[in-house]
Amino acid sequence: MRWRRTGLTLVVLAVASLAVVSLSPLGLLMMASLEDRFPRPELPETIAGIVVLGGAFDTRIARTRGRSEFNEAADRATEALILARRYPEAKILFSGGDAAILAQDIPETLSAKEFFLGAGLSPDRLILDNQARDTFENAVFARQLADPKPGETWLLITSAFHMARAVGCFRQADFDVLPYPVDYRTPGGAEVWRPSSASVRNVEKVHFAIREYLGLLAYWMQGRTDALFPAPAGATVTPAGFSAPASGTAG
């Protein structure tokens, strides 16, 4: 098309961008800023319940193979089970319906029920929300099902990179929760500057980080979160909507 120079320039830019994304620590740094937003808190002596956000089970495999299967966010469910045994009186509220867009899948609650009851959790401790299709609905429906009483402590479990958006939604739903992040995808300290030798994993981190940042922006513009980048309670909020966590605060 006689645009050889333009075509060559675009190819060079594309290759350079791919090299940066796949070989540099860009993805780790983008993800770490999300994962470090809410540090894991010290747990109280008693808690009333644990809200577990869906995302730990592969619903497509469950639908087509007739069996439950974890994905890479399995920590959401396994960590909840560990805490359920530590707090034998606490309720476990799992929120995860059918969020598929291109095809109809089964609700995650079917896999969650099989997992938790199969692991020995008493049925009267398990609360299932199979209606929520996104994070905001997770918060709204969980608030209705939990019906938290004044003075009760409810933990919120989700992936660390997703915690800021989740907390913002729960605040909008007037559900005071104690954030308990799991499923970390980045190392701590100076190791965050060392990219994985598997370039695909570096690209994947950039993908998840961009998606989460866009989710934060979209939810804030729709009024689904209380801030552009929600932070732990007591943090100092800047005019732009960003904030720095106050020392020692967890929720």
C-alpha atoms as a PDB file:
ATOM      1  CA  MET A   1       0.000   0.000   0.000  1.00  0.00           C
ATOM      2  CA  ARG A   2       3.114   2.196  -0.381  1.00  0.00           C
ATOM      3  CA  TRP A   3       3.152   2.776   3.363  1.00  0.00           C
ATOM      4  CA  ARG A   4       6.273   0.724   3.864  1.00  0.00           C
ATOM      5  CA  ARG A   5       7.934   3.134   6.273  1.00  0.00           C
ATOM      6  CA  THR A   6       4.797   3.424   8.405  1.00  0.00           C
ATOM      7  CA  GLY A   7       4.374  -0.339   8.421  1.00  0.00           C
ATOM      8  CA  LEU A   8       7.992  -0.870   9.457  1.00  0.00           C
ATOM      9  CA  THR A   9       7.614   1.677  12.263  1.00  0.00           C
ATOM     10  CA  LEU A  10       4.501  -0.049  13.583  1.00  0.00           C
ATOM     11  CA  VAL A  11       6.201  -3.446  13.493  1.00  0.00           C
ATOM     12  CA  VAL A  12       9.200  -2.097  15.434  1.00  0.00           C
ATOM     13  CA  LEU A  13       6.915  -0.487  18.023  1.00  0.00           C
ATOM     14  CA  ALA A  14       4.905  -3.695  18.383  1.00  0.00           C
ATOM     15  CA  VAL A  15       8.006  -5.834  18.863  1.00  0.00           C
ATOM     16  CA  ALA A  16       9.471  -3.347  21.337  1.00  0.00           C
ATOM     17  CA  SER A  17       6.216  -3.253  23.318  1.00  0.00           C
ATOM     18  CA  LEU A  18       6.039  -7.042  23.416  1.00  0.00           C
ATOM     19  CA  ALA A  19       9.632  -7.195  24.628  1.00  0.00           C
ATOM     20  CA  VAL A  20       8.930  -4.735  27.453  1.00  0.00           C
ATOM     21  CA  VAL A  21       5.772  -6.546  28.525  1.00  0.00           C
ATOM     22  CA  SER A  22       7.197 -10.070  28.355  1.00  0.00           C
ATOM     23  CA  LEU A  23      10.783  -9.541  29.538  1.00  0.00           C
ATOM     24  CA  SER A  24      10.629  -6.664  32.025  1.00  0.00           C
ATOM     25  CA  PRO A  25       9.175  -6.482  35.569  1.00  0.00           C
ATOM     26  CA  LEU A  26       6.390  -4.180  34.328  1.00  0.00           C
ATOM     27  CA  GLY A  27       3.631  -6.684  35.097  1.00  0.00           C
ATOM     28  CA  LEU A  28       5.005  -7.439  38.544  1.00  0.00           C
ATOM     29  CA  LEU A  29       5.142  -3.751  39.436  1.00  0.00           C
ATOM     30  CA  MET A  30       1.630  -3.109  38.150  1.00  0.00           C
ATOM     31  CA  MET A  31       0.244  -6.065  40.083  1.00  0.00           C
ATOM     32  CA  ALA A  32       2.244  -5.329  43.247  1.00  0.00           C
ATOM     33  CA  SER A  33       0.694  -1.862  43.580  1.00  0.00           C
ATOM     34  CA  LEU A  34      -2.709  -3.557  43.668  1.00  0.00           C
ATOM     35  CA  GLU A  35      -1.694  -6.434  45.942  1.00  0.00           C
ATOM     36  CA  ASP A  36       0.075  -4.215  48.484  1.00  0.00           C
ATOM     37  CA  ARG A  37      -2.902  -1.873  48.832  1.00  0.00           C
ATOM     38  CA  PHE A  38      -4.475  -3.882  51.650  1.00  0.00           C
ATOM     39  CA  PRO A  39      -2.027  -5.712  53.935  1.00  0.00           C
ATOM     40  CA  ARG A  40      -3.226  -8.885  55.597  1.00  0.00           C
ATOM     41  CA  PRO A  41      -4.550  -7.945  59.056  1.00  0.00           C
ATOM     42  CA  GLU A  42      -4.145  -9.461  62.476  1.00  0.00           C
ATOM     43  CA  LEU A  43      -7.252 -11.519  63.132  1.00  0.00           C
ATOM     44  CA  PRO A  44      -9.498 -11.004  66.168  1.00  0.00           C
ATOM     45  CA  GLU A  45     -10.329 -13.745  68.646  1.00  0.00           C
ATOM     46  CA  THR A  46     -13.812 -14.269  67.224  1.00  0.00           C
ATOM     47  CA  ILE A  47     -15.473 -13.586  63.887  1.00  0.00           C
ATOM     48  CA  ALA A  48     -19.090 -13.934  62.845  1.00  0.00           C
ATOM     49  CA  GLY A  49     -18.458 -15.006  59.298  1.00  0.00           C
ATOM     50  CA  ILE A  50     -16.269 -15.122  56.219  1.00  0.00           C
ATOM     51  CA  VAL A  51     -17.370 -13.781  52.848  1.00  0.00           C
ATOM     52  CA  VAL A  52     -15.583 -15.591  50.011  1.00  0.00           C
ATOM     53  CA  LEU A  53     -15.834 -14.067  46.554  1.00  0.00           C
ATOM     54  CA  GLY A  54     -16.157 -16.422  43.607  1.00  0.00           C
ATOM     55  CA  GLY A  55     -13.372 -16.913  41.118  1.00  0.00           C
ATOM     56  CA  ALA A  56     -11.677 -19.993  42.561  1.00  0.00           C
ATOM     57  CA  PHE A  57     -13.464 -22.581  40.411  1.00  0.00           C
ATOM     58  CA  ASP A  58     -13.463 -23.229  36.667  1.00  0.00           C
ATOM     59  CA  THR A  59     -17.170 -23.299  35.820  1.00  0.00           C
ATOM     60  CA  ARG A  60     -16.593 -24.269  32.194  1.00  0.00           C
ATOM     61  CA  ILE A  61     -14.835 -27.460  33.227  1.00  0.00           C
ATOM     62  CA  ALA A  62     -17.479 -28.119  35.866  1.00  0.00           C
ATOM     63  CA  ARG A  63     -20.233 -27.741  33.261  1.00  0.00           C
ATOM     64  CA  THR A  64     -18.645 -29.864  30.556  1.00  0.00           C
ATOM     65  CA  ARG A  65     -16.950 -32.559  32.647  1.00  0.00           C
ATOM     66  CA  GLY A  66     -19.402 -32.807  35.506  1.00  0.00           C
ATOM     67  CA  ARG A  67     -16.797 -32.265  38.201  1.00  0.00           C
ATOM     68  CA  SER A  68     -15.399 -29.369  40.162  1.00  0.00           C
ATOM     69  CA  GLU A  69     -11.983 -28.000  39.297  1.00  0.00           C
ATOM     70  CA  PHE A  70      -9.934 -25.222  40.885  1.00  0.00           C
ATOM     71  CA  ASN A  71      -8.196 -22.516  38.881  1.00  0.00           C
ATOM     72  CA  GLU A  72      -5.187 -20.415  39.900  1.00  0.00           C
ATOM     73  CA  ALA A  73      -7.301 -18.436  42.405  1.00  0.00           C
ATOM     74  CA  ALA A  74      -7.918 -21.563  44.502  1.00  0.00           C
ATOM     75  CA  ASP A  75      -6.543 -19.788  47.585  1.00  0.00           C
ATOM     76  CA  ARG A  76      -9.871 -18.020  47.947  1.00  0.00           C
ATOM     77  CA  ALA A  77     -11.566 -21.300  48.827  1.00  0.00           C
ATOM     78  CA  THR A  78      -8.724 -23.166  50.536  1.00  0.00           C
ATOM     79  CA  GLU A  79      -7.808 -20.248  52.804  1.00  0.00           C
ATOM     80  CA  ALA A  80     -11.468 -19.856  53.739  1.00  0.00           C
ATOM     81  CA  LEU A  81     -11.585 -23.514  54.756  1.00  0.00           C
ATOM     82  CA  ILE A  82      -8.492 -23.091  56.943  1.00  0.00           C
ATOM     83  CA  LEU A  83     -10.085 -20.105  58.669  1.00  0.00           C
ATOM     84  CA  ALA A  84     -13.377 -21.988  59.025  1.00  0.00           C
ATOM     85  CA  ARG A  85     -11.562 -24.602  61.079  1.00  0.00           C
ATOM     86  CA  ARG A  86      -9.821 -21.935  63.129  1.00  0.00           C
ATOM     87  CA  TYR A  87     -13.172 -20.267  63.841  1.00  0.00           C
ATOM     88  CA  PRO A  88     -15.648 -23.162  64.247  1.00  0.00           C
ATOM     89  CA  GLU A  89     -18.608 -20.853  64.951  1.00  0.00           C
ATOM     90  CA  ALA A  90     -18.130 -18.630  61.897  1.00  0.00           C
ATOM     91  CA  LYS A  91     -20.442 -18.782  58.899  1.00  0.00           C
ATOM     92  CA  ILE A  92     -18.956 -19.196  55.407  1.00  0.00           C
ATOM     93  CA  LEU A  93     -20.750 -17.107  52.780  1.00  0.00           C
ATOM     94  CA  PHE A  94     -19.626 -17.982  49.247  1.00  0.00           C
ATOM     95  CA  SER A  95     -20.771 -15.524  46.575  1.00  0.00           C
ATOM     96  CA  GLY A  96     -20.432 -16.528  42.940  1.00  0.00           C
ATOM     97  CA  GLY A  97     -23.085 -16.948  40.268  1.00  0.00           C
ATOM     98  CA  ASP A  98     -22.799 -17.410  36.520  1.00  0.00           C
ATOM     99  CA  ALA A  99     -20.620 -14.592  35.160  1.00  0.00           C
ATOM    100  CA  ALA A 100     -20.123 -16.078  31.687  1.00  0.00           C
ATOM    101  CA  ILE A 101     -20.785 -13.765  28.730  1.00  0.00           C
ATOM    102  CA  LEU A 102     -20.468 -15.886  25.592  1.00  0.00           C
ATOM    103  CA  ALA A 103     -22.012 -19.072  27.001  1.00  0.00           C
ATOM    104  CA  GLN A 104     -24.146 -20.075  29.946  1.00  0.00           C
ATOM    105  CA  ASP A 105     -22.146 -21.752  32.682  1.00  0.00           C
ATOM    106  CA  ILE A 106     -23.186 -23.209  36.004  1.00  0.00           C
ATOM    107  CA  PRO A 107     -22.948 -21.084  39.171  1.00  0.00           C
ATOM    108  CA  GLU A 108     -19.719 -21.394  41.120  1.00  0.00           C
ATOM    109  CA  THR A 109     -21.765 -22.134  44.191  1.00  0.00           C
ATOM    110  CA  LEU A 110     -22.282 -25.713  42.986  1.00  0.00           C
ATOM    111  CA  SER A 111     -18.533 -26.353  43.020  1.00  0.00           C
ATOM    112  CA  ALA A 112     -18.141 -24.430  46.274  1.00  0.00           C
ATOM    113  CA  LYS A 113     -20.818 -26.507  47.976  1.00  0.00           C
ATOM    114  CA  GLU A 114     -19.161 -29.732  46.837  1.00  0.00           C
ATOM    115  CA  PHE A 115     -15.774 -28.544  48.071  1.00  0.00           C
ATOM    116  CA  PHE A 116     -16.734 -27.153  51.471  1.00  0.00           C
ATOM    117  CA  LEU A 117     -19.139 -29.926  52.431  1.00  0.00           C
ATOM    118  CA  GLY A 118     -16.752 -32.561  51.078  1.00  0.00           C
ATOM    119  CA  ALA A 119     -14.038 -31.106  53.297  1.00  0.00           C
ATOM    120  CA  GLY A 120     -16.215 -31.566  56.352  1.00  0.00           C
ATOM    121  CA  LEU A 121     -17.842 -28.161  56.803  1.00  0.00           C
ATOM    122  CA  SER A 122     -21.229 -28.430  58.484  1.00  0.00           C
ATOM    123  CA  PRO A 123     -24.071 -27.563  56.067  1.00  0.00           C
ATOM    124  CA  ASP A 124     -25.633 -25.168  58.560  1.00  0.00           C
ATOM    125  CA  ARG A 125     -22.509 -23.014  58.425  1.00  0.00           C
ATOM    126  CA  LEU A 126     -22.495 -22.592  54.646  1.00  0.00           C
ATOM    127  CA  ILE A 127     -24.394 -19.751  52.950  1.00  0.00           C
ATOM    128  CA  LEU A 128     -24.447 -19.713  49.146  1.00  0.00           C
ATOM    129  CA  ASP A 129     -25.180 -16.784  46.839  1.00  0.00           C
ATOM    130  CA  ASN A 130     -25.658 -18.021  43.274  1.00  0.00           C
ATOM    131  CA  GLN A 131     -27.087 -14.757  41.920  1.00  0.00           C
ATOM    132  CA  ALA A 132     -24.093 -12.397  41.959  1.00  0.00           C
ATOM    133  CA  ARG A 133     -22.488 -11.876  38.542  1.00  0.00           C
ATOM    134  CA  ASP A 134     -19.915  -9.221  39.392  1.00  0.00           C
ATOM    135  CA  THR A 135     -18.119  -7.695  42.364  1.00  0.00           C
ATOM    136  CA  PHE A 136     -20.769  -5.099  43.114  1.00  0.00           C
ATOM    137  CA  GLU A 137     -23.500  -7.741  43.185  1.00  0.00           C
ATOM    138  CA  ASN A 138     -21.240  -9.850  45.410  1.00  0.00           C
ATOM    139  CA  ALA A 139     -21.339  -7.031  47.939  1.00  0.00           C
ATOM    140  CA  VAL A 140     -25.062  -6.273  47.674  1.00  0.00           C
ATOM    141  CA  PHE A 141     -26.259  -9.878  47.899  1.00  0.00           C
ATOM    142  CA  ALA A 142     -23.719 -10.814  50.574  1.00  0.00           C
ATOM    143  CA  ARG A 143     -24.979  -7.925  52.709  1.00  0.00           C
ATOM    144  CA  GLN A 144     -28.545  -9.215  52.393  1.00  0.00           C
ATOM    145  CA  LEU A 145     -27.650 -12.820  53.174  1.00  0.00           C
ATOM    146  CA  ALA A 146     -25.231 -12.124  56.023  1.00  0.00           C
ATOM    147  CA  ASP A 147     -27.448  -9.516  57.688  1.00  0.00           C
ATOM    148  CA  PRO A 148     -24.496  -8.433  59.868  1.00  0.00           C
ATOM    149  CA  LYS A 149     -25.266  -7.243  63.372  1.00  0.00           C
ATOM    150  CA  PRO A 150     -23.565  -4.288  65.093  1.00  0.00           C
ATOM    151  CA  GLY A 151     -20.231  -5.316  66.562  1.00  0.00           C
ATOM    152  CA  GLU A 152     -19.838  -8.419  64.388  1.00  0.00           C
ATOM    153  CA  THR A 153     -16.651  -9.011  62.432  1.00  0.00           C
ATOM    154  CA  TRP A 154     -16.942 -10.413  58.918  1.00  0.00           C
ATOM    155  CA  LEU A 155     -13.847 -11.234  56.898  1.00  0.00           C
ATOM    156  CA  LEU A 156     -13.696 -10.608  53.162  1.00  0.00           C
ATOM    157  CA  ILE A 157     -11.579 -13.053  51.171  1.00  0.00           C
ATOM    158  CA  THR A 158     -10.581 -12.419  47.577  1.00  0.00           C
ATOM    159  CA  SER A 159      -7.414 -12.226  45.494  1.00  0.00           C
ATOM    160  CA  ALA A 160      -5.019  -9.537  46.718  1.00  0.00           C
ATOM    161  CA  PHE A 161      -5.010  -7.688  43.376  1.00  0.00           C
ATOM    162  CA  HIS A 162      -8.827  -7.547  43.461  1.00  0.00           C
ATOM    163  CA  MET A 163      -9.210  -6.455  47.083  1.00  0.00           C
ATOM    164  CA  ALA A 164      -9.308  -2.678  46.514  1.00  0.00           C
ATOM    165  CA  ARG A 165     -12.264  -2.874  44.128  1.00  0.00           C
ATOM    166  CA  ALA A 166     -14.022  -5.415  46.345  1.00  0.00           C
ATOM    167  CA  VAL A 167     -13.675  -3.291  49.484  1.00  0.00           C
ATOM    168  CA  GLY A 168     -14.942  -0.238  47.607  1.00  0.00           C
ATOM    169  CA  CYS A 169     -18.051  -2.187  46.588  1.00  0.00           C
ATOM    170  CA  PHE A 170     -18.687  -3.510  50.089  1.00  0.00           C
ATOM    171  CA  ARG A 171     -18.424   0.001  51.479  1.00  0.00           C
ATOM    172  CA  GLN A 172     -21.006   1.192  48.976  1.00  0.00           C
ATOM    173  CA  ALA A 173     -23.226  -1.705  50.026  1.00  0.00           C
ATOM    174  CA  ASP A 174     -22.838  -0.616  53.672  1.00  0.00           C
ATOM    175  CA  PHE A 175     -21.215  -3.902  54.642  1.00  0.00           C
ATOM    176  CA  ASP A 176     -18.266  -3.310  56.972  1.00  0.00           C
ATOM    177  CA  VAL A 177     -15.776  -6.124  56.368  1.00  0.00           C
ATOM    178  CA  LEU A 178     -12.217  -6.891  57.393  1.00  0.00           C
ATOM    179  CA  PRO A 179     -10.169  -7.424  54.204  1.00  0.00           C
ATOM    180  CA  TYR A 180      -8.181 -10.652  54.178  1.00  0.00           C
ATOM    181  CA  PRO A 181      -6.290 -10.836  50.850  1.00  0.00           C
ATOM    182  CA  VAL A 182      -5.105 -14.161  49.408  1.00  0.00           C
ATOM    183  CA  ASP A 183      -3.874 -15.472  46.049  1.00  0.00           C
ATOM    184  CA  TYR A 184      -0.784 -13.275  45.747  1.00  0.00           C
ATOM    185  CA  ARG A 185       0.736 -13.209  42.262  1.00  0.00           C
ATOM    186  CA  THR A 186       3.858 -11.151  43.018  1.00  0.00           C
ATOM    187  CA  PRO A 187       6.840 -11.600  45.376  1.00  0.00           C
ATOM    188  CA  GLY A 188       7.562  -9.141  48.153  1.00  0.00           C
ATOM    189  CA  GLY A 189      10.430  -6.706  48.571  1.00  0.00           C
ATOM    190  CA  ALA A 190      13.152  -6.266  45.974  1.00  0.00           C
ATOM    191  CA  GLU A 191      12.169  -9.518  44.234  1.00  0.00           C
ATOM    192  CA  VAL A 192       9.370  -7.631  42.516  1.00  0.00           C
ATOM    193  CA  TRP A 193      11.986  -6.145  40.188  1.00  0.00           C
ATOM    194  CA  ARG A 194      13.009  -9.580  38.923  1.00  0.00           C
ATOM    195  CA  PRO A 195      10.666 -10.777  36.147  1.00  0.00           C
ATOM    196  CA  SER A 196       9.795 -14.414  35.705  1.00  0.00           C
ATOM    197  CA  SER A 197      11.864 -16.385  33.206  1.00  0.00           C
ATOM    198  CA  ALA A 198       8.526 -17.492  31.711  1.00  0.00           C
ATOM    199  CA  SER A 199       7.652 -14.562  29.467  1.00  0.00           C
ATOM    200  CA  VAL A 200       4.024 -15.624  29.162  1.00  0.00           C
ATOM    201  CA  ARG A 201       3.529 -15.162  32.898  1.00  0.00           C
ATOM    202  CA  ASN A 202       4.901 -11.624  32.632  1.00  0.00           C
ATOM    203  CA  VAL A 203       2.419 -10.832  29.864  1.00  0.00           C
ATOM    204  CA  GLU A 204      -0.366 -12.387  31.921  1.00  0.00           C
ATOM    205  CA  LYS A 205       0.355 -10.107  34.875  1.00  0.00           C
ATOM    206  CA  VAL A 206       0.155  -7.029  32.663  1.00  0.00           C
ATOM    207  CA  HIS A 207      -3.169  -8.321  31.343  1.00  0.00           C
ATOM    208  CA  PHE A 208      -4.673  -8.879  34.797  1.00  0.00           C
ATOM    209  CA  ALA A 209      -3.350  -5.555  36.111  1.00  0.00           C
ATOM    210  CA  ILE A 210      -4.761  -3.552  33.196  1.00  0.00           C
ATOM    211  CA  ARG A 211      -8.111  -5.298  33.548  1.00  0.00           C
ATOM    212  CA  GLU A 212      -8.236  -4.503  37.268  1.00  0.00           C
ATOM    213  CA  TYR A 213      -7.261  -0.855  36.802  1.00  0.00           C
ATOM    214  CA  LEU A 214      -9.959  -0.487  34.145  1.00  0.00           C
ATOM    215  CA  GLY A 215     -12.394  -2.186  36.516  1.00  0.00           C
ATOM    216  CA  LEU A 216     -11.525   0.293  39.262  1.00  0.00           C
ATOM    217  CA  LEU A 217     -12.104   3.204  36.895  1.00  0.00           C
ATOM    218  CA  ALA A 218     -15.384   1.845  35.529  1.00  0.00           C
ATOM    219  CA  TYR A 219     -16.782   1.005  38.971  1.00  0.00           C
ATOM    220  CA  TRP A 220     -15.840   4.429  40.343  1.00  0.00           C
ATOM    221  CA  MET A 221     -17.470   6.213  37.402  1.00  0.00           C
ATOM    222  CA  GLN A 222     -20.642   4.157  37.949  1.00  0.00           C
ATOM    223  CA  GLY A 223     -20.696   4.906  41.677  1.00  0.00           C
ATOM    224  CA  ARG A 224     -20.122   1.274  42.589  1.00  0.00           C
ATOM    225  CA  THR A 225     -17.054   2.017  44.732  1.00  0.00           C
ATOM    226  CA  ASP A 226     -16.427   4.724  47.289  1.00  0.00           C
ATOM    227  CA  ALA A 227     -13.148   5.879  45.719  1.00  0.00           C
ATOM    228  CA  LEU A 228     -11.147   5.565  42.534  1.00  0.00           C
ATOM    229  CA  PHE A 229      -8.554   3.454  44.349  1.00  0.00           C
ATOM    230  CA  PRO A 230     -10.036   2.378  47.720  1.00  0.00           C
ATOM    231  CA  ALA A 231      -7.590   2.174  50.602  1.00  0.00           C
ATOM    232  CA  PRO A 232      -7.601   0.848  54.174  1.00  0.00           C
ATOM    233  CA  ALA A 233      -9.705   2.818  56.654  1.00  0.00           C
ATOM    234  CA  GLY A 234      -7.845   5.761  58.097  1.00  0.00           C
ATOM    235  CA  ALA A 235      -5.695   6.339  55.016  1.00  0.00           C
ATOM    236  CA  THR A 236      -5.103   9.845  53.743  1.00  0.00           C
ATOM    237  CA  VAL A 237      -7.027  10.471  50.539  1.00  0.00           C
ATOM    238  CA  THR A 238      -5.627  12.886  47.970  1.00  0.00           C
ATOM    239  CA  PRO A 239      -7.810  15.167  45.818  1.00  0.00           C
ATOM    240  CA  ALA A 240      -7.328  12.822  42.859  1.00  0.00           C
ATOM    241  CA  GLY A 241      -9.003  10.028  44.744  1.00  0.00           C
ATOM    242  CA  PHE A 242      -5.840   8.044  45.456  1.00  0.00           C
ATOM    243  CA  SER A 243      -4.710   7.409  48.993  1.00  0.00           C
ATOM    244  CA  ALA A 244      -1.845   6.176  51.070  1.00  0.00           C
ATOM    245  CA  PRO A 245      -2.558   3.495  53.713  1.00  0.00           C
ATOM    246  CA  ALA A 246      -2.126   4.751  57.250  1.00  0.00           C
ATOM    247  CA  SER A 247       0.448   2.867  59.257  1.00  0.00           C
ATOM    248  CA  GLY A 248      -1.020  -0.041  61.190  1.00  0.00           C
ATOM    249  CA  THR A 249      -4.495   0.064  59.651  1.00  0.00           C
ATOM    250  CA  ALA A 250      -5.957  -3.041  58.130  1.00  0.00           C
ATOM    251  CA  GLY A 251      -9.606  -2.468  57.377  1.00  0.00           C
END
